């Protein structure tokens, strides 16, 4: 997931289906997110970037640094101030749906059915050749390229279905705080725990009024339930985000050596490390844990008020915004450190 200075936001999710996943090195979903953000100034242009790269280089390879092989295809949610697209893939084949209204989400399954606004030119022919589609009945992308019964898709207990229910519950009245509550929800599986825990979370405000800034809230840490959503606004001369930047290992990085990933490095950034150390307080010191979490919520609420003021008053203090995210990160680290050391 990420955003760029043009207000384009992209998130991706792992998906699997009938098309075999390539274990050989190719572009990962995270690569496609970054390249789309680097090269596009609208949501649809980002879609174009991603599908062109898919056609030229393909997708796949191991996305896990370590002994485990973990490969997948990708779905993408791409949005800007004016429109949003869902892009879902199976190897080099893809379908895209323009979101026309209501709520829409993606998760670990194909979700585009018969409403297809753009597609790979050979997508249907390939499905016919593989025997997945007879060429007669209405084409359903998810049903054709995956094993999903799309008639039951919205009543299954899947993470996709549960996420849609949470969004639909607030349809027409979704605020950025509503989105954060949904991302923090554990019973639905949105906020994942265990081996595949939620690594970080992001919520963006994309005003249609171009005079207002896009505001992006990032946790930069796992488990949004015990993380602070910190605001970031693109302005000139932004401060370097040192406390949320992973270490650079240059030529010693095992990703640059073959075979890859024989050595596992500690890539945690400073905020991540302090956040992890605070786990001991969360699990073992109830009183300190409450104080720490209360202080985190207080910091977050103050930041929300500040951002709401910017949107309401249409005034942006650029000199202050330059250091906004780095300062928020330092404030969060101070909260962790004061409770770990005391």
Protein backbone atom coordinates (compact mmCIF):
# COMPACT_ATOMS: atom_id res chain seq x y z
CA UNK A 1 0.00 0.00 0.00
CA UNK A 2 1.14 3.56 -0.56
CA UNK A 3 0.39 7.01 -1.93
CA UNK A 4 2.10 9.62 -4.09
CA UNK A 5 2.19 13.41 -4.38
CA UNK A 6 -0.65 13.37 -6.95
CA UNK A 7 -3.14 11.81 -4.56
CA UNK A 8 -2.94 8.36 -6.12
CA UNK A 9 -3.28 5.53 -3.59
CA UNK A 10 -2.69 1.83 -4.27
CA UNK A 11 -3.18 -1.20 -2.05
CA UNK A 12 -2.68 -4.84 -3.01
CA UNK A 13 -3.72 -8.23 -1.67
CA UNK A 14 -2.54 -11.75 -2.41
CA UNK A 15 -4.90 -13.89 -4.49
CA UNK A 16 -4.78 -17.44 -5.85
CA UNK A 17 -6.80 -19.28 -8.47
CA UNK A 18 -6.63 -21.76 -11.34
CA UNK A 19 -3.68 -20.08 -13.07
CA UNK A 20 -0.44 -21.44 -11.66
CA UNK A 21 1.74 -19.03 -9.68
CA UNK A 22 5.26 -18.58 -11.03
CA UNK A 23 7.99 -19.32 -8.47
CA UNK A 24 10.71 -17.84 -10.69
CA UNK A 25 11.76 -14.27 -10.10
CA UNK A 26 9.40 -11.69 -11.57
CA UNK A 27 7.65 -8.59 -10.29
CA UNK A 28 6.09 -8.88 -6.84
CA UNK A 29 2.82 -7.18 -6.00
CA UNK A 30 4.73 -4.70 -3.85
CA UNK A 31 6.98 -3.88 -6.85
CA UNK A 32 3.91 -3.14 -8.95
CA UNK A 33 2.46 -0.89 -6.23
CA UNK A 34 5.68 1.12 -6.01
CA UNK A 35 6.11 1.43 -9.78
CA UNK A 36 2.49 2.47 -10.25
CA UNK A 37 2.92 5.21 -7.66
CA UNK A 38 6.24 6.32 -9.12
CA UNK A 39 4.98 6.67 -12.69
CA UNK A 40 1.31 7.71 -12.56
CA UNK A 41 -0.58 10.88 -11.63
CA UNK A 42 -4.09 9.37 -11.84
CA UNK A 43 -5.66 6.09 -10.75
CA UNK A 44 -6.31 4.89 -14.30
CA UNK A 45 -2.76 5.74 -15.40
CA UNK A 46 -1.49 3.68 -12.46
CA UNK A 47 -3.65 0.81 -13.70
CA UNK A 48 -2.06 1.23 -17.15
CA UNK A 49 1.44 1.14 -15.64
CA UNK A 50 0.72 -2.06 -13.73
CA UNK A 51 -0.86 -4.00 -16.61
CA UNK A 52 1.90 -2.92 -19.02
CA UNK A 53 4.54 -4.18 -16.57
CA UNK A 54 2.61 -7.43 -16.10
CA UNK A 55 2.58 -7.98 -19.83
CA UNK A 56 6.30 -7.22 -20.20
CA UNK A 57 7.79 -8.85 -17.09
CA UNK A 58 5.10 -11.03 -15.48
CA UNK A 59 4.48 -11.46 -11.76
CA UNK A 60 5.58 -14.02 -9.21
CA UNK A 61 8.63 -15.08 -7.27
CA UNK A 62 9.15 -15.53 -3.56
CA UNK A 63 7.91 -12.57 -1.52
CA UNK A 64 9.16 -14.03 1.77
CA UNK A 65 12.66 -13.31 3.06
CA UNK A 66 13.67 -16.56 4.67
CA UNK A 67 13.29 -20.27 4.12
CA UNK A 68 9.56 -20.28 3.33
CA UNK A 69 8.48 -20.02 -0.32
CA UNK A 70 5.42 -17.79 -0.53
CA UNK A 71 4.21 -16.70 -3.97
CA UNK A 72 0.92 -15.32 -5.22
CA UNK A 73 -0.93 -13.28 -7.80
CA UNK A 74 -2.37 -9.88 -6.91
CA UNK A 75 -5.48 -7.78 -6.67
CA UNK A 76 -5.19 -4.00 -6.45
CA UNK A 77 -7.40 -1.19 -5.19
CA UNK A 78 -6.35 2.03 -6.98
CA UNK A 79 -7.87 5.42 -6.15
CA UNK A 80 -7.36 9.14 -6.66
CA UNK A 81 -9.42 12.23 -5.89
CA UNK A 82 -11.92 11.53 -8.68
CA UNK A 83 -12.21 7.77 -9.20
CA UNK A 84 -11.32 4.29 -8.04
CA UNK A 85 -10.52 1.02 -9.81
CA UNK A 86 -10.28 -2.61 -8.79
CA UNK A 87 -7.64 -4.50 -10.77
CA UNK A 88 -7.39 -8.27 -10.35
CA UNK A 89 -4.90 -10.59 -11.96
CA UNK A 90 -4.19 -14.22 -12.80
CA UNK A 91 -0.68 -14.50 -14.16
CA UNK A 92 -0.50 -11.99 -17.02
CA UNK A 93 -4.28 -11.97 -17.46
CA UNK A 94 -6.39 -9.34 -15.72
CA UNK A 95 -9.76 -7.66 -15.36
CA UNK A 96 -10.53 -4.18 -14.04
CA UNK A 97 -13.72 -2.73 -12.59
CA UNK A 98 -14.35 0.99 -12.22
CA UNK A 99 -16.03 1.67 -8.88
CA UNK A 100 -19.20 3.62 -9.59
CA UNK A 101 -20.62 4.05 -6.10
CA UNK A 102 -21.32 2.49 -2.74
CA UNK A 103 -18.48 0.64 -1.03
CA UNK A 104 -15.84 -1.70 -2.44
CA UNK A 105 -13.01 -3.73 -0.95
CA UNK A 106 -10.46 -6.38 -1.85
CA UNK A 107 -9.02 -9.26 0.13
CA UNK A 108 -7.47 -12.67 -0.53
CA UNK A 109 -9.78 -13.71 -3.35
CA UNK A 110 -10.83 -12.57 -6.81
CA UNK A 111 -13.94 -10.41 -6.51
CA UNK A 112 -14.63 -9.00 -10.00
CA UNK A 113 -17.54 -10.95 -11.43
CA UNK A 114 -19.49 -9.81 -14.53
CA UNK A 115 -18.96 -6.05 -14.29
CA UNK A 116 -15.72 -5.70 -16.24
CA UNK A 117 -14.76 -2.27 -17.58
CA UNK A 118 -11.31 -3.13 -18.91
CA UNK A 119 -9.54 -6.44 -19.50
CA UNK A 120 -6.55 -8.22 -21.01
CA UNK A 121 -7.36 -8.71 -24.73
CA UNK A 122 -6.73 -12.47 -24.57
CA UNK A 123 -8.28 -13.10 -21.15
CA UNK A 124 -11.47 -14.74 -22.43
CA UNK A 125 -9.81 -16.76 -25.20
CA UNK A 126 -7.27 -18.12 -22.72
CA UNK A 127 -10.08 -19.18 -20.38
CA UNK A 128 -11.80 -20.99 -23.29
CA UNK A 129 -8.58 -22.78 -24.23
CA UNK A 130 -8.14 -23.98 -20.65
CA UNK A 131 -11.74 -25.22 -20.50
CA UNK A 132 -12.67 -22.81 -17.71
CA UNK A 133 -15.35 -21.01 -19.77
CA UNK A 134 -17.58 -22.35 -22.53
CA UNK A 135 -17.76 -19.04 -24.39
CA UNK A 136 -21.54 -18.99 -24.17
CA UNK A 137 -22.64 -18.12 -20.66
CA UNK A 138 -22.03 -14.64 -19.25
CA UNK A 139 -18.35 -14.22 -18.44
CA UNK A 140 -17.63 -14.05 -14.71
CA UNK A 141 -13.94 -13.32 -14.01
CA UNK A 142 -13.83 -14.59 -10.41
CA UNK A 143 -15.83 -17.73 -11.21
CA UNK A 144 -13.72 -18.45 -14.30
CA UNK A 145 -10.23 -17.85 -12.96
CA UNK A 146 -10.69 -19.03 -9.37
CA UNK A 147 -12.60 -21.73 -7.51
CA UNK A 148 -15.08 -19.31 -5.94
CA UNK A 149 -18.82 -19.79 -6.18
CA UNK A 150 -19.63 -16.14 -6.82
CA UNK A 151 -23.31 -16.71 -6.08
CA UNK A 152 -22.31 -17.41 -2.46
CA UNK A 153 -19.40 -14.96 -2.31
CA UNK A 154 -21.21 -12.34 -0.22
CA UNK A 155 -22.55 -14.77 2.38
CA UNK A 156 -19.37 -16.73 3.08
CA UNK A 157 -17.42 -16.16 6.32
CA UNK A 158 -14.39 -14.94 4.34
CA UNK A 159 -12.23 -11.93 5.20
CA UNK A 160 -13.47 -10.30 1.98
CA UNK A 161 -17.12 -10.77 2.94
CA UNK A 162 -16.61 -9.61 6.53
CA UNK A 163 -14.76 -6.52 5.31
CA UNK A 164 -17.56 -5.66 2.92
CA UNK A 165 -20.14 -6.01 5.70
CA UNK A 166 -18.22 -3.59 7.92
CA UNK A 167 -17.99 -1.04 5.10
CA UNK A 168 -21.62 -1.48 4.06
CA UNK A 169 -22.75 -0.98 7.66
CA UNK A 170 -21.39 2.58 7.51
CA UNK A 171 -22.17 3.28 3.84
CA UNK A 172 -22.85 6.96 3.25
CA UNK A 173 -21.29 7.95 6.56
CA UNK A 174 -17.72 6.67 6.38
CA UNK A 175 -15.13 8.92 7.98
CA UNK A 176 -11.38 8.35 8.28
CA UNK A 177 -11.96 7.31 11.90
CA UNK A 178 -14.55 4.75 10.71
CA UNK A 179 -11.94 3.28 8.37
CA UNK A 180 -9.43 3.03 11.21
CA UNK A 181 -11.97 1.19 13.37
CA UNK A 182 -12.54 -1.29 10.55
CA UNK A 183 -8.80 -1.83 10.08
CA UNK A 184 -8.50 -2.50 13.81
CA UNK A 185 -11.26 -5.12 13.78
CA UNK A 186 -9.94 -8.57 14.73
CA UNK A 187 -13.09 -10.79 14.71
CA UNK A 188 -13.53 -10.10 10.98
CA UNK A 189 -9.94 -11.05 10.20
CA UNK A 190 -9.21 -7.58 8.81
CA UNK A 191 -6.67 -7.01 11.57
CA UNK A 192 -4.75 -10.27 11.20
CA UNK A 193 -2.88 -12.00 14.00
CA UNK A 194 -0.39 -14.85 14.11
CA UNK A 195 2.16 -15.70 11.41
CA UNK A 196 0.50 -13.44 8.82
CA UNK A 197 -0.20 -10.50 11.09
CA UNK A 198 -1.18 -7.09 9.74
CA UNK A 199 2.19 -5.47 9.07
CA UNK A 200 1.05 -1.85 8.82
CA UNK A 201 -2.10 0.12 8.06
CA UNK A 202 -2.99 3.18 6.00
CA UNK A 203 -6.06 5.42 5.65
CA UNK A 204 -6.22 8.30 3.15
CA UNK A 205 -8.46 11.34 2.82
CA UNK A 206 -8.69 12.33 -0.87
CA UNK A 207 -10.79 15.53 -1.13
CA UNK A 208 -12.38 16.18 -4.52
CA UNK A 209 -11.61 19.87 -3.95
CA UNK A 210 -8.08 20.23 -5.35
CA UNK A 211 -7.47 23.22 -3.05
CA UNK A 212 -7.49 20.83 -0.10
CA UNK A 213 -4.52 18.55 0.60
CA UNK A 214 -4.69 14.77 0.52
CA UNK A 215 -3.96 13.48 4.02
CA UNK A 216 -2.52 10.00 4.49
CA UNK A 217 -2.46 8.30 7.88
CA UNK A 218 0.15 5.57 8.38
CA UNK A 219 0.88 3.37 11.38
CA UNK A 220 4.24 2.07 10.13
CA UNK A 221 3.87 -0.71 12.71
CA UNK A 222 1.97 -4.02 13.04
CA UNK A 223 -1.46 -4.40 14.64
CA UNK A 224 -3.28 -1.06 14.22
CA UNK A 225 -5.17 -1.74 17.47
CA UNK A 226 -2.00 -0.87 19.37
CA UNK A 227 -0.52 1.62 16.90
CA UNK A 228 -0.89 5.33 16.22
CA UNK A 229 -2.25 6.50 12.87
CA UNK A 230 0.12 9.38 12.03
CA UNK A 231 -0.70 11.94 9.31
CA UNK A 232 1.50 12.63 6.30
CA UNK A 233 0.95 15.39 3.72
CA UNK A 234 3.07 15.82 0.61
CA UNK A 235 4.74 19.25 0.63
CA UNK A 236 8.03 20.50 -0.89
CA UNK A 237 11.25 19.78 1.01
CA UNK A 238 9.68 17.09 3.18
CA UNK A 239 11.92 15.91 6.00
CA UNK A 240 13.55 12.51 5.58
CA UNK A 241 11.60 9.88 7.49
CA UNK A 242 14.52 8.36 9.37
CA UNK A 243 12.53 6.73 12.19
CA UNK A 244 10.42 4.75 9.72
CA UNK A 245 13.18 3.90 7.22
CA UNK A 246 14.64 0.40 7.26
CA UNK A 247 18.43 0.07 7.44
CA UNK A 248 20.42 0.06 4.19
CA UNK A 249 22.87 -2.81 3.77
CA UNK A 250 24.26 -1.90 0.31
CA UNK A 251 26.19 -4.79 -1.30
CA UNK A 252 25.89 -6.93 1.84
CA UNK A 253 22.13 -7.18 1.33
CA UNK A 254 21.30 -10.85 0.62
CA UNK A 255 18.68 -9.75 -1.91
CA UNK A 256 21.59 -8.68 -4.14
CA UNK A 257 23.34 -12.05 -3.89
CA UNK A 258 22.48 -15.38 -5.48
CA UNK A 259 21.10 -17.59 -4.18
CA UNK A 260 18.97 -14.99 -2.43
CA UNK A 261 18.04 -14.81 1.24
CA UNK A 262 20.62 -17.19 2.69
CA UNK A 263 21.11 -14.66 5.48
CA UNK A 264 18.20 -13.00 7.27
CA UNK A 265 18.84 -9.40 8.31
CA UNK A 266 17.08 -7.25 10.88
CA UNK A 267 15.27 -4.76 8.66
CA UNK A 268 13.18 -3.20 11.41
CA UNK A 269 13.18 0.59 11.51
CA UNK A 270 13.52 2.47 14.84
CA UNK A 271 9.77 2.95 15.37
CA UNK A 272 9.12 -0.73 14.62
CA UNK A 273 11.77 -1.86 17.14
CA UNK A 274 10.35 0.32 19.94
CA UNK A 275 6.84 -0.82 19.08
CA UNK A 276 7.90 -4.45 19.40
CA UNK A 277 9.67 -3.85 22.72
CA UNK A 278 6.46 -2.33 24.06
CA UNK A 279 4.78 -5.72 23.58
CA UNK A 280 6.25 -6.90 26.87
CA UNK A 281 4.46 -4.05 28.63
CA UNK A 282 1.21 -4.81 26.79
CA UNK A 283 1.29 -8.48 27.76
CA UNK A 284 2.77 -8.37 31.26
CA UNK A 285 2.15 -5.01 32.93
CA UNK A 286 -1.53 -4.18 32.92
CA UNK A 287 -1.34 -0.74 34.57
CA UNK A 288 1.56 0.46 32.41
CA UNK A 289 -0.13 -0.96 29.33
CA UNK A 290 -3.27 1.06 30.03
CA UNK A 291 -1.24 4.25 30.54
CA UNK A 292 0.69 3.66 27.34
CA UNK A 293 -2.39 2.91 25.23
CA UNK A 294 -4.23 5.90 26.71
CA UNK A 295 -1.33 8.18 25.80
CA UNK A 296 -1.26 6.75 22.28
CA UNK A 297 -5.00 7.42 21.87
CA UNK A 298 -4.55 10.94 23.23
CA UNK A 299 -1.78 11.66 20.71
CA UNK A 300 -3.89 10.25 17.90
CA UNK A 301 -6.96 12.33 18.83
CA UNK A 302 -4.88 15.51 18.90
CA UNK A 303 -3.55 14.72 15.43
CA UNK A 304 -7.08 14.05 14.13
CA UNK A 305 -8.27 17.45 15.39
CA UNK A 306 -5.32 19.15 13.74
CA UNK A 307 -6.05 17.49 10.39
CA UNK A 308 -9.77 18.28 10.60
CA UNK A 309 -8.86 21.92 11.23
CA UNK A 310 -6.72 21.97 8.07
CA UNK A 311 -9.60 20.60 6.00
CA UNK A 312 -12.20 22.93 7.52
CA UNK A 313 -10.14 26.12 7.46
CA UNK A 314 -8.36 25.34 4.18
CA UNK A 315 -5.11 26.54 5.71
CA UNK A 316 -1.87 24.60 5.48
CA UNK A 317 1.18 25.72 7.45
CA UNK A 318 3.79 24.26 5.09
CA UNK A 319 6.69 24.96 7.46
CA UNK A 320 5.00 22.85 10.14
CA UNK A 321 3.82 20.12 7.77
CA UNK A 322 7.39 19.48 6.59
CA UNK A 323 8.13 17.93 9.98
CA UNK A 324 4.64 16.62 10.75
CA UNK A 325 5.13 12.88 10.26
CA UNK A 326 8.68 12.72 11.70
CA UNK A 327 7.54 14.63 14.80
CA UNK A 328 4.52 12.36 15.28
CA UNK A 329 6.80 9.34 15.03
CA UNK A 330 9.17 10.76 17.66
CA UNK A 331 6.20 11.44 19.95
CA UNK A 332 5.05 7.84 19.58
CA UNK A 333 8.55 6.50 20.27
CA UNK A 334 8.72 8.64 23.43
CA UNK A 335 5.50 7.06 24.68
CA UNK A 336 6.96 3.57 24.19
CA UNK A 337 10.30 4.40 25.75
CA UNK A 338 8.84 6.08 28.83
CA UNK A 339 6.83 2.96 29.65
CA UNK A 340 9.54 0.46 28.78
CA UNK A 341 12.21 2.11 30.92
CA UNK A 342 10.07 3.25 33.87
